[in-house]
Amino acid sequence: MDVYDAAAWSAICELTESSVAGRSGPVDFPDFTRGGWKRNRPLQIVSSLDRL
């Protein structure tokens, strides 16, 4: 999880409120990364299973 994930999770309440105010219509979800998510490399996470 990074700062962009945190921003996305924080936006859910306001976007839901906007959708409900608009008679439950769709609301565009902002791309906080400005397209950077397409170039994001996977994190090198070490699993406890890798050590077995």
C-alpha atoms as a PDB file:
ATOM      1  CA  MET A   1       0.000   0.000   0.000  1.00  0.00           C
ATOM      2  CA  ASP A   2       1.328   3.414  -0.870  1.00  0.00           C
ATOM      3  CA  VAL A   3       0.170   7.024  -0.651  1.00  0.00           C
ATOM      4  CA  TYR A   4      -1.924   6.644  -3.821  1.00  0.00           C
ATOM      5  CA  ASP A   5      -3.788   3.670  -2.361  1.00  0.00           C
ATOM      6  CA  ALA A   6      -4.460   5.711   0.779  1.00  0.00           C
ATOM      7  CA  ALA A   7      -5.813   8.586  -1.317  1.00  0.00           C
ATOM      8  CA  ALA A   8      -8.096   6.210  -3.211  1.00  0.00           C
ATOM      9  CA  TRP A   9      -9.465   4.698   0.008  1.00  0.00           C
ATOM     10  CA  SER A  10      -9.990   8.185   1.444  1.00  0.00           C
ATOM     11  CA  ALA A  11     -11.990   9.279  -1.611  1.00  0.00           C
ATOM     12  CA  ILE A  12     -14.590   6.516  -1.375  1.00  0.00           C
ATOM     13  CA  CYS A  13     -16.849   8.290   1.161  1.00  0.00           C
ATOM     14  CA  GLU A  14     -16.983  11.561  -0.772  1.00  0.00           C
ATOM     15  CA  LEU A  15     -17.532   9.775  -4.092  1.00  0.00           C
ATOM     16  CA  THR A  16     -20.331   7.708  -2.535  1.00  0.00           C
ATOM     17  CA  GLU A  17     -21.946  10.875  -1.199  1.00  0.00           C
ATOM     18  CA  SER A  18     -21.759  12.457  -4.662  1.00  0.00           C
ATOM     19  CA  SER A  19     -23.285   9.370  -6.244  1.00  0.00           C
ATOM     20  CA  VAL A  20     -26.167   9.265  -3.766  1.00  0.00           C
ATOM     21  CA  ALA A  21     -26.811  12.980  -4.258  1.00  0.00           C
ATOM     22  CA  GLY A  22     -26.972  12.283  -7.986  1.00  0.00           C
ATOM     23  CA  ARG A  23     -29.708   9.655  -7.525  1.00  0.00           C
ATOM     24  CA  SER A  24     -27.127   6.835  -7.268  1.00  0.00           C
ATOM     25  CA  GLY A  25     -25.608   7.652 -10.637  1.00  0.00           C
ATOM     26  CA  PRO A  26     -22.054   6.768 -11.605  1.00  0.00           C
ATOM     27  CA  VAL A  27     -19.225   9.039 -10.483  1.00  0.00           C
ATOM     28  CA  ASP A  28     -15.810   9.210 -12.143  1.00  0.00           C
ATOM     29  CA  PHE A  29     -13.058   7.914  -9.873  1.00  0.00           C
ATOM     30  CA  PRO A  30      -9.989  10.192  -9.902  1.00  0.00           C
ATOM     31  CA  ASP A  31      -6.643   8.729 -11.003  1.00  0.00           C
ATOM     32  CA  PHE A  32      -4.380  10.036  -8.261  1.00  0.00           C
ATOM     33  CA  THR A  33      -1.322   8.523  -9.986  1.00  0.00           C
ATOM     34  CA  ARG A  34      -1.963  10.372 -13.280  1.00  0.00           C
ATOM     35  CA  GLY A  35      -1.498   7.088 -15.134  1.00  0.00           C
ATOM     36  CA  GLY A  36       1.553   6.055 -13.110  1.00  0.00           C
ATOM     37  CA  TRP A  37      -0.155   2.862 -11.962  1.00  0.00           C
ATOM     38  CA  LYS A  38       0.425   1.461 -15.459  1.00  0.00           C
ATOM     39  CA  ARG A  39       4.216   1.632 -14.956  1.00  0.00           C
ATOM     40  CA  ASN A  40       4.264   0.520 -11.313  1.00  0.00           C
ATOM     41  CA  ARG A  41       6.520  -2.479 -10.733  1.00  0.00           C
ATOM     42  CA  PRO A  42       5.502  -5.228  -8.293  1.00  0.00           C
ATOM     43  CA  LEU A  43       6.937  -4.970  -4.800  1.00  0.00           C
ATOM     44  CA  GLN A  44       9.630  -7.454  -3.849  1.00  0.00           C
ATOM     45  CA  ILE A  45       7.850  -9.088  -0.939  1.00  0.00           C
ATOM     46  CA  VAL A  46       9.519 -11.996   0.808  1.00  0.00           C
ATOM     47  CA  SER A  47       7.132 -14.701   1.874  1.00  0.00           C
ATOM     48  CA  SER A  48       7.805 -17.006   4.822  1.00  0.00           C
ATOM     49  CA  LEU A  49       7.154 -19.868   2.376  1.00  0.00           C
ATOM     50  CA  ASP A  50      10.190 -18.750   0.308  1.00  0.00           C
ATOM     51  CA  ARG A  51      12.455 -19.666   3.197  1.00  0.00           C
ATOM     52  CA  LEU A  52      11.346 -23.296   3.401  1.00  0.00           C
END
